Protein backbone atom coordinates (compact mmCIF):
# COMPACT_ATOMS: atom_id res chain seq x y z
CA UNK A 1 78.04 79.45 71.20
CA UNK A 2 76.59 76.00 71.71
CA UNK A 3 75.28 74.89 75.06
CA UNK A 4 77.96 72.24 75.43
CA UNK A 5 80.84 74.62 74.75
CA UNK A 6 79.31 77.20 77.09
CA UNK A 7 79.05 74.65 79.87
CA UNK A 8 82.65 73.58 79.28
CA UNK A 9 83.73 77.19 79.45
CA UNK A 10 81.87 77.79 82.68
CA UNK A 11 83.00 74.59 84.32
CA UNK A 12 86.69 74.65 83.41
CA UNK A 13 89.21 75.92 85.95
CA UNK A 14 88.70 77.75 89.18
CA UNK A 15 90.12 80.57 91.23
CA UNK A 16 90.70 84.24 90.62
CA UNK A 17 91.66 83.98 86.94
CA UNK A 18 88.45 82.06 86.21
CA UNK A 19 86.27 84.69 87.88
CA UNK A 20 84.12 86.63 85.44
CA UNK A 21 84.25 89.69 87.69
CA UNK A 22 88.06 89.61 87.75
CA UNK A 23 88.28 89.10 83.97
CA UNK A 24 85.87 92.00 83.51
CA UNK A 25 87.97 94.38 85.62
CA UNK A 26 91.27 93.24 84.11
CA UNK A 27 90.12 93.47 80.49
CA UNK A 28 88.47 96.85 80.99
CA UNK A 29 91.55 98.25 82.72
CA UNK A 30 93.86 97.12 79.92
CA UNK A 31 91.58 98.57 77.25
CA UNK A 32 91.35 101.82 79.19
CA UNK A 33 95.05 102.45 78.54
CA UNK A 34 94.44 102.38 74.77
CA UNK A 35 92.86 105.83 74.92
CA UNK A 36 95.79 107.87 76.26
CA UNK A 37 98.18 105.83 74.10
CA UNK A 38 96.07 106.64 71.05
CA UNK A 39 96.10 110.31 72.02
CA UNK A 40 99.89 110.30 72.29
CA UNK A 41 100.11 108.65 68.87
CA UNK A 42 97.74 111.19 67.31
CA UNK A 43 99.67 114.12 68.78
CA UNK A 44 102.88 112.61 67.40
CA UNK A 45 101.42 112.44 63.91
CA UNK A 46 100.97 108.67 63.69
CA UNK A 47 98.08 107.80 61.38
CA UNK A 48 95.04 106.17 63.03
CA UNK A 49 95.20 103.25 60.61
CA UNK A 50 98.84 102.50 61.43
CA UNK A 51 98.12 102.64 65.18
CA UNK A 52 95.13 100.31 64.75
CA UNK A 53 97.46 97.97 62.85
CA UNK A 54 99.87 98.10 65.79
CA UNK A 55 97.13 96.91 68.17
CA UNK A 56 96.30 93.83 66.09
CA UNK A 57 99.98 93.18 65.39
CA UNK A 58 100.78 93.29 69.10
CA UNK A 59 98.02 90.83 69.92
CA UNK A 60 99.13 88.44 67.16
CA UNK A 61 102.86 88.62 67.95
CA UNK A 62 102.39 87.95 71.66
CA UNK A 63 99.91 85.13 71.14
CA UNK A 64 101.96 83.34 68.45
CA UNK A 65 104.60 81.73 70.72
CA UNK A 66 101.89 80.65 73.18
CA UNK A 67 99.97 78.80 70.46
CA UNK A 68 103.16 77.29 69.03
CA UNK A 69 104.21 76.01 72.45
CA UNK A 70 100.80 74.39 72.97
CA UNK A 71 100.61 72.98 69.43
CA UNK A 72 97.37 74.85 68.78
CA UNK A 73 98.43 76.75 65.66
CA UNK A 74 96.65 75.49 62.55
CA UNK A 75 95.09 77.33 59.63
CA UNK A 76 91.40 78.17 60.20
CA UNK A 77 88.97 76.41 57.90
CA UNK A 78 85.24 76.29 57.33
CA UNK A 79 83.22 77.88 60.10
CA UNK A 80 86.32 79.05 61.95
CA UNK A 81 87.59 80.85 58.85
CA UNK A 82 84.25 82.61 58.49
CA UNK A 83 84.37 83.56 62.15
CA UNK A 84 87.90 84.93 61.87
CA UNK A 85 87.07 87.10 58.84
CA UNK A 86 83.80 88.53 60.14
CA UNK A 87 85.03 88.90 63.71
CA UNK A 88 88.17 90.67 62.57
CA UNK A 89 86.26 93.17 60.46
CA UNK A 90 83.44 94.10 62.83
CA UNK A 91 85.33 93.67 66.11
CA UNK A 92 88.74 95.17 65.41
CA UNK A 93 89.16 96.78 61.99
CA UNK A 94 86.12 99.06 61.96
CA UNK A 95 85.94 99.95 65.70
CA UNK A 96 89.68 100.63 66.02
CA UNK A 97 89.74 102.78 62.90
CA UNK A 98 86.90 104.82 64.41
CA UNK A 99 88.53 104.90 67.84
CA UNK A 100 91.94 106.17 66.80
CA UNK A 101 90.43 108.61 64.29
CA UNK A 102 88.16 110.19 66.91
CA UNK A 103 90.66 110.43 69.80
CA UNK A 104 92.76 113.32 68.37
CA UNK A 105 89.58 115.39 67.87
CA UNK A 106 87.44 114.47 70.90
CA UNK A 107 90.13 113.66 73.46
CA UNK A 108 91.07 110.28 74.88
CA UNK A 109 88.94 110.63 78.03
CA UNK A 110 85.73 111.45 76.20
CA UNK A 111 86.28 108.83 73.49
CA UNK A 112 86.92 106.25 76.15
CA UNK A 113 83.66 107.15 77.83
CA UNK A 114 81.83 106.29 74.61
CA UNK A 115 82.78 102.69 75.38
CA UNK A 116 80.42 103.01 78.33
CA UNK A 117 77.49 103.00 75.91
CA UNK A 118 78.31 99.57 74.48
CA UNK A 119 76.51 97.57 77.24
CA UNK A 120 73.18 99.19 76.39
CA UNK A 121 73.48 98.46 72.66
CA UNK A 122 74.74 94.95 73.42
CA UNK A 123 71.87 94.24 75.82
CA UNK A 124 69.36 95.43 73.21
CA UNK A 125 70.83 93.14 70.55
CA UNK A 126 71.04 90.26 73.03
CA UNK A 127 67.31 90.57 73.69
CA UNK A 128 66.57 90.69 69.96
CA UNK A 129 68.68 87.57 69.34
CA UNK A 130 67.21 85.85 72.44
CA UNK A 131 70.57 85.37 74.12
CA UNK A 132 71.03 85.07 77.86
CA UNK A 133 70.43 88.41 79.58
CA UNK A 134 71.70 89.47 83.01
CA UNK A 135 69.78 89.36 86.27
CA UNK A 136 67.81 92.34 87.54
CA UNK A 137 70.86 93.44 89.54
CA UNK A 138 73.00 93.19 86.41
CA UNK A 139 70.50 95.24 84.43
CA UNK A 140 70.53 97.81 87.24
CA UNK A 141 74.30 98.05 86.81
CA UNK A 142 73.92 98.63 83.07
CA UNK A 143 71.24 101.27 83.63
CA UNK A 144 73.36 103.06 86.23
CA UNK A 145 76.34 103.10 83.91
CA UNK A 146 74.17 104.45 81.09
CA UNK A 147 73.00 107.34 83.27
CA UNK A 148 76.61 108.23 84.00
CA UNK A 149 77.62 107.95 80.34
CA UNK A 150 74.69 110.17 79.33
CA UNK A 151 75.73 112.86 81.83
CA UNK A 152 79.29 112.75 80.51
CA UNK A 153 78.19 112.92 76.88
CA UNK A 154 75.88 115.89 77.46
CA UNK A 155 78.45 117.87 79.44
CA UNK A 156 81.22 117.14 76.93
CA UNK A 157 79.04 117.94 73.92
CA UNK A 158 77.95 121.29 75.36
CA UNK A 159 81.41 122.40 76.53
CA UNK A 160 83.12 125.33 74.74
CA UNK A 161 85.95 123.04 73.60
CA UNK A 162 83.53 120.39 72.35
CA UNK A 163 84.59 118.64 69.12
CA UNK A 164 82.72 119.09 65.85
CA UNK A 165 79.43 117.22 65.54
CA UNK A 166 80.89 114.76 63.03
CA UNK A 167 83.38 113.52 65.63
CA UNK A 168 80.69 113.20 68.30
CA UNK A 169 78.63 111.10 65.87
CA UNK A 170 81.70 109.02 64.99
CA UNK A 171 82.34 108.48 68.70
CA UNK A 172 78.77 107.24 69.19
CA UNK A 173 79.27 104.74 66.35
CA UNK A 174 82.08 103.10 68.33
CA UNK A 175 79.82 101.42 70.93
CA UNK A 176 77.38 100.42 68.18
CA UNK A 177 80.19 98.61 66.34
CA UNK A 178 81.41 97.04 69.58
CA UNK A 179 77.92 95.74 70.36
CA UNK A 180 77.62 94.13 66.92
CA UNK A 181 80.97 92.43 67.45
CA UNK A 182 80.03 91.25 70.94
CA UNK A 183 76.87 89.56 69.69
CA UNK A 184 78.41 88.04 66.57
CA UNK A 185 81.36 86.50 68.42
CA UNK A 186 78.90 84.73 70.71
CA UNK A 187 76.31 83.44 68.26
CA UNK A 188 78.90 82.15 65.76
CA UNK A 189 81.59 80.91 68.19
CA UNK A 190 82.98 77.72 66.56
CA UNK A 191 82.31 74.54 68.50
CA UNK A 192 85.24 73.64 70.73
CA UNK A 193 87.39 76.58 69.64
CA UNK A 194 89.87 77.97 72.17
CA UNK A 195 89.79 81.70 73.00
CA UNK A 196 93.50 82.25 72.27
CA UNK A 197 93.21 80.62 68.85
CA UNK A 198 90.27 82.82 67.86
CA UNK A 199 91.99 85.91 69.24
CA UNK A 200 95.17 85.21 67.28
CA UNK A 201 93.56 84.52 63.92
CA UNK A 202 91.04 87.37 64.20
CA UNK A 203 93.85 89.82 64.81
CA UNK A 204 96.13 88.20 62.22
CA UNK A 205 93.41 88.73 59.62
CA UNK A 206 92.97 92.31 60.84
CA UNK A 207 96.70 92.91 60.33
CA UNK A 208 96.38 91.81 56.70
CA UNK A 209 93.40 94.14 56.20
CA UNK A 210 95.18 97.12 57.75
CA UNK A 211 98.30 96.52 55.66
CA UNK A 212 96.20 96.30 52.49
CA UNK A 213 94.35 99.53 53.36
CA UNK A 214 97.61 101.36 54.09
CA UNK A 215 99.14 100.21 50.82
CA UNK A 216 96.03 101.26 48.90
CA UNK A 217 95.73 104.68 50.52
CA UNK A 218 99.42 105.55 50.98
CA UNK A 219 101.25 103.35 48.52
CA UNK A 220 103.53 102.18 51.34
CA UNK A 221 103.59 101.36 55.04
CA UNK A 222 104.39 104.58 56.98
CA UNK A 223 106.31 102.71 59.68
CA UNK A 224 108.68 105.67 60.04
CA UNK A 225 105.87 107.53 61.83
CA UNK A 226 106.36 105.30 64.87
CA UNK A 227 109.77 106.85 65.60
CA UNK A 228 107.92 109.91 66.91
CA UNK A 229 106.26 107.84 69.66
CA UNK A 230 108.49 104.79 70.21
CA UNK A 231 107.73 104.26 73.90
CA UNK A 232 103.98 104.58 73.33
CA UNK A 233 104.20 102.16 70.38
CA UNK A 234 106.02 99.52 72.45
CA UNK A 235 103.58 99.97 75.33
CA UNK A 236 100.64 99.64 72.93
CA UNK A 237 102.01 96.36 71.58
CA UNK A 238 102.40 94.95 75.10
CA UNK A 239 98.96 96.16 76.23
CA UNK A 240 97.32 94.61 73.16
CA UNK A 241 99.12 91.32 73.72
CA UNK A 242 97.90 91.19 77.32
CA UNK A 243 94.35 92.31 76.53
CA UNK A 244 92.94 89.90 73.99
CA UNK A 245 93.62 86.52 75.62
CA UNK A 246 91.54 87.66 78.62
CA UNK A 247 89.09 89.47 76.32
CA UNK A 248 88.18 86.28 74.44
CA UNK A 249 88.22 84.27 77.68
CA UNK A 250 85.68 86.68 79.15
CA UNK A 251 83.62 86.42 75.93
CA UNK A 252 83.56 82.64 76.20
CA UNK A 253 82.90 82.54 79.93
CA UNK A 254 80.54 85.45 80.48
CA UNK A 255 78.75 86.04 77.18
CA UNK A 256 78.26 89.25 75.20
CA UNK A 257 76.38 91.38 77.74
CA UNK A 258 78.89 90.84 80.53
CA UNK A 259 81.77 91.37 78.11
CA UNK A 260 80.29 94.66 76.95
CA UNK A 261 80.54 96.02 80.49
CA UNK A 262 84.30 96.29 80.12
CA UNK A 263 83.23 99.57 78.53
CA UNK A 264 82.40 100.99 81.96
CA UNK A 265 85.77 99.97 83.38
CA UNK A 266 87.67 101.18 80.30
CA UNK A 267 85.82 104.50 80.38
CA UNK A 268 86.74 105.17 84.00
CA UNK A 269 90.37 104.11 83.52
CA UNK A 270 90.65 106.14 80.31
CA UNK A 271 89.27 109.29 81.93
CA UNK A 272 91.63 109.05 84.90
CA UNK A 273 94.62 108.25 82.68
CA UNK A 274 93.83 111.14 80.34
CA UNK A 275 93.66 113.52 83.29
CA UNK A 276 96.76 112.28 85.12
CA UNK A 277 99.03 111.44 82.18
CA UNK A 278 97.90 113.87 79.47
CA UNK A 279 96.61 116.81 81.48
CA UNK A 280 93.14 116.77 79.91
CA UNK A 281 90.59 118.73 81.94
CA UNK A 282 86.91 117.97 82.44
CA UNK A 283 84.06 119.73 84.20
CA UNK A 284 82.66 118.78 87.59
CA UNK A 285 79.55 117.31 85.92
CA UNK A 286 81.77 115.07 83.79
CA UNK A 287 83.40 113.71 86.92
CA UNK A 288 79.99 113.24 88.54
CA UNK A 289 78.97 111.22 85.49
CA UNK A 290 82.17 109.19 85.81
CA UNK A 291 81.36 108.54 89.48
CA UNK A 292 77.92 107.24 88.47
CA UNK A 293 79.63 104.96 85.93
CA UNK A 294 81.84 103.68 88.75
CA UNK A 295 78.67 102.85 90.72
CA UNK A 296 77.44 100.91 87.70
CA UNK A 297 80.70 98.94 87.69
CA UNK A 298 80.31 98.13 91.38
CA UNK A 299 76.73 96.92 90.86
CA UNK A 300 77.83 94.78 87.91
CA UNK A 301 80.60 93.15 89.94
CA UNK A 302 78.17 92.55 92.81
CA UNK A 303 75.76 90.89 90.38
CA UNK A 304 78.52 88.57 89.15
CA UNK A 305 79.50 87.64 92.69
CA UNK A 306 75.85 86.89 93.55
CA UNK A 307 75.41 84.71 90.44
CA UNK A 308 78.52 82.71 91.35
């Protein structure tokens, strides 16, 4: 992102909905509901690829009338087209395929907690690419969250009902993919591009990719699978449509490292939702790790308030 566009992003608007801390909590909370919804879909026999398609479709469908009303819908060209293609692949296609493939095997709570590792990978890449890094208080928040995520991972991996190693490895690849997407979307953000426009076209491209993959692997679109989880499917569409406008706004306003910390919020929300809504059970040490993650969230929010 150029300096001028970053300054515009930081200086535009005011109030609660322009607060990075609020956007962080809102985006992380919305994403946290993806995990139990993905678990419901997996239990109902919906293929991970079809459910990942539903996420991108929901974001595109709900953003389309907004862009039409504002006259902002035009075909991406040049740098924006490159951004849409690469962003769609590394931010949504690959991570969501991993996510919804892992959830049925590792559980929605544990998979969600893997999101809590994305800030560390993102911070590492941000340092390598010489992007803006958080203050010492912000880094303390990341470190605290990492400690909590490590405790959760160790306790989950050593539990009797632990998933096979391949699914633990696949779960760890999720935050790596998320970190790559976080960094790319910042360093190649097209000059003057609006968050909603980038969100729409990135997901629209992802829809095309998912449809092509389903046709190649299945020979048809298994839409009939959604009848086994209709309420979850509708909820997933709505959640996706609400998530990505604020997701890209947070990306533009706060940068990749702050954005990555939605992983802490999503992890906590996902664990609670999996326990309350799906009846998943976790050990005391897992909950202690989750509490440490919550402390990391609090420190991160405090750092944002101090910077403001």
